[in-house]
Amino acid sequence: MPKMKTKSSVKKRFKVTASGRIKVAQAGKRHGMIKRTTKFIRNARGTTLLSKADEQIIKPMMPYHKK
């Protein structure tokens, strides 16, 4: 049986937590910071967890993820 392939774009962008949730960087901070509010920039710091609906899309692309 050949190995299953992990989607390259997914392995670069997502990590799986110990509980099996998907961790991702906050969106919207690549460019255009002048037009964004200070509150938006502050709240978009760090990482966040994907919603359950989005997890169902991403998990099949990661066949060797934990849990």
C-alpha atoms as a PDB file:
ATOM      1  CA  MET A   1       0.000   0.000   0.000  1.00  0.00           C
ATOM      2  CA  PRO A   2       1.569   3.346  -0.955  1.00  0.00           C
ATOM      3  CA  LYS A   3       1.911   6.161   1.524  1.00  0.00           C
ATOM      4  CA  MET A   4      -0.878   8.721   1.681  1.00  0.00           C
ATOM      5  CA  LYS A   5       0.119  12.254   0.740  1.00  0.00           C
ATOM      6  CA  THR A   6      -0.280  15.222   3.063  1.00  0.00           C
ATOM      7  CA  LYS A   7      -1.377  18.414   1.288  1.00  0.00           C
ATOM      8  CA  SER A   8       1.721  20.646   1.152  1.00  0.00           C
ATOM      9  CA  SER A   9      -0.231  23.853   1.718  1.00  0.00           C
ATOM     10  CA  VAL A  10      -1.854  22.379   4.834  1.00  0.00           C
ATOM     11  CA  LYS A  11       1.362  21.233   6.481  1.00  0.00           C
ATOM     12  CA  LYS A  12       2.791  24.748   6.071  1.00  0.00           C
ATOM     13  CA  ARG A  13      -0.205  26.556   7.572  1.00  0.00           C
ATOM     14  CA  PHE A  14      -1.724  24.352  10.281  1.00  0.00           C
ATOM     15  CA  LYS A  15      -0.671  22.464  13.416  1.00  0.00           C
ATOM     16  CA  VAL A  16      -2.696  19.920  15.398  1.00  0.00           C
ATOM     17  CA  THR A  17      -3.007  20.472  19.158  1.00  0.00           C
ATOM     18  CA  ALA A  18      -2.821  17.666  21.728  1.00  0.00           C
ATOM     19  CA  SER A  19      -6.622  17.602  21.939  1.00  0.00           C
ATOM     20  CA  GLY A  20      -6.924  17.254  18.154  1.00  0.00           C
ATOM     21  CA  ARG A  21      -8.000  20.808  17.318  1.00  0.00           C
ATOM     22  CA  ILE A  22      -6.392  22.704  14.419  1.00  0.00           C
ATOM     23  CA  LYS A  23      -4.233  25.729  15.290  1.00  0.00           C
ATOM     24  CA  VAL A  24      -3.709  28.463  12.690  1.00  0.00           C
ATOM     25  CA  ALA A  25      -2.175  31.946  12.527  1.00  0.00           C
ATOM     26  CA  GLN A  26      -4.553  34.894  12.635  1.00  0.00           C
ATOM     27  CA  ALA A  27      -5.520  36.247   9.207  1.00  0.00           C
ATOM     28  CA  GLY A  28      -5.356  39.803   7.920  1.00  0.00           C
ATOM     29  CA  LYS A  29      -1.923  40.996   9.048  1.00  0.00           C
ATOM     30  CA  ARG A  30       0.199  40.696   5.900  1.00  0.00           C
ATOM     31  CA  HIS A  31      -0.196  44.192   4.506  1.00  0.00           C
ATOM     32  CA  GLY A  32      -2.421  47.273   4.712  1.00  0.00           C
ATOM     33  CA  MET A  33      -1.854  47.916   8.409  1.00  0.00           C
ATOM     34  CA  ILE A  34      -2.418  51.681   7.948  1.00  0.00           C
ATOM     35  CA  LYS A  35      -6.125  51.199   7.242  1.00  0.00           C
ATOM     36  CA  ARG A  36      -6.649  48.693  10.062  1.00  0.00           C
ATOM     37  CA  THR A  37      -7.655  49.812  13.531  1.00  0.00           C
ATOM     38  CA  THR A  38      -5.297  49.366  16.461  1.00  0.00           C
ATOM     39  CA  LYS A  39      -7.887  47.109  18.069  1.00  0.00           C
ATOM     40  CA  PHE A  40      -7.959  44.843  15.004  1.00  0.00           C
ATOM     41  CA  ILE A  41      -4.163  44.557  14.898  1.00  0.00           C
ATOM     42  CA  ARG A  42      -4.021  43.777  18.634  1.00  0.00           C
ATOM     43  CA  ASN A  43      -6.768  41.127  18.410  1.00  0.00           C
ATOM     44  CA  ALA A  44      -5.152  39.481  15.373  1.00  0.00           C
ATOM     45  CA  ARG A  45      -1.937  38.758  17.264  1.00  0.00           C
ATOM     46  CA  GLY A  46      -0.750  35.173  17.708  1.00  0.00           C
ATOM     47  CA  THR A  47      -2.777  32.094  16.770  1.00  0.00           C
ATOM     48  CA  THR A  48      -6.350  30.871  16.924  1.00  0.00           C
ATOM     49  CA  LEU A  49      -8.259  27.586  16.618  1.00  0.00           C
ATOM     50  CA  LEU A  50     -10.307  26.710  13.560  1.00  0.00           C
ATOM     51  CA  SER A  51     -14.044  26.256  13.824  1.00  0.00           C
ATOM     52  CA  LYS A  52     -15.452  22.706  13.790  1.00  0.00           C
ATOM     53  CA  ALA A  53     -16.804  23.188  10.252  1.00  0.00           C
ATOM     54  CA  ASP A  54     -13.410  24.291   8.937  1.00  0.00           C
ATOM     55  CA  GLU A  55     -11.670  21.434  10.774  1.00  0.00           C
ATOM     56  CA  GLN A  56     -13.746  18.920   8.815  1.00  0.00           C
ATOM     57  CA  ILE A  57     -12.357  20.419   5.591  1.00  0.00           C
ATOM     58  CA  ILE A  58      -8.714  20.456   6.724  1.00  0.00           C
ATOM     59  CA  LYS A  59      -8.370  17.131   8.579  1.00  0.00           C
ATOM     60  CA  PRO A  60      -8.745  14.879   5.487  1.00  0.00           C
ATOM     61  CA  MET A  61      -5.794  16.731   3.968  1.00  0.00           C
ATOM     62  CA  MET A  62      -3.621  15.656   6.950  1.00  0.00           C
ATOM     63  CA  PRO A  63      -3.822  11.841   6.967  1.00  0.00           C
ATOM     64  CA  TYR A  64      -1.054  11.409   9.551  1.00  0.00           C
ATOM     65  CA  HIS A  65      -2.172  13.961  12.133  1.00  0.00           C
ATOM     66  CA  LYS A  66      -2.464  12.960  15.784  1.00  0.00           C
ATOM     67  CA  LYS A  67      -5.952  11.990  17.004  1.00  0.00           C
END
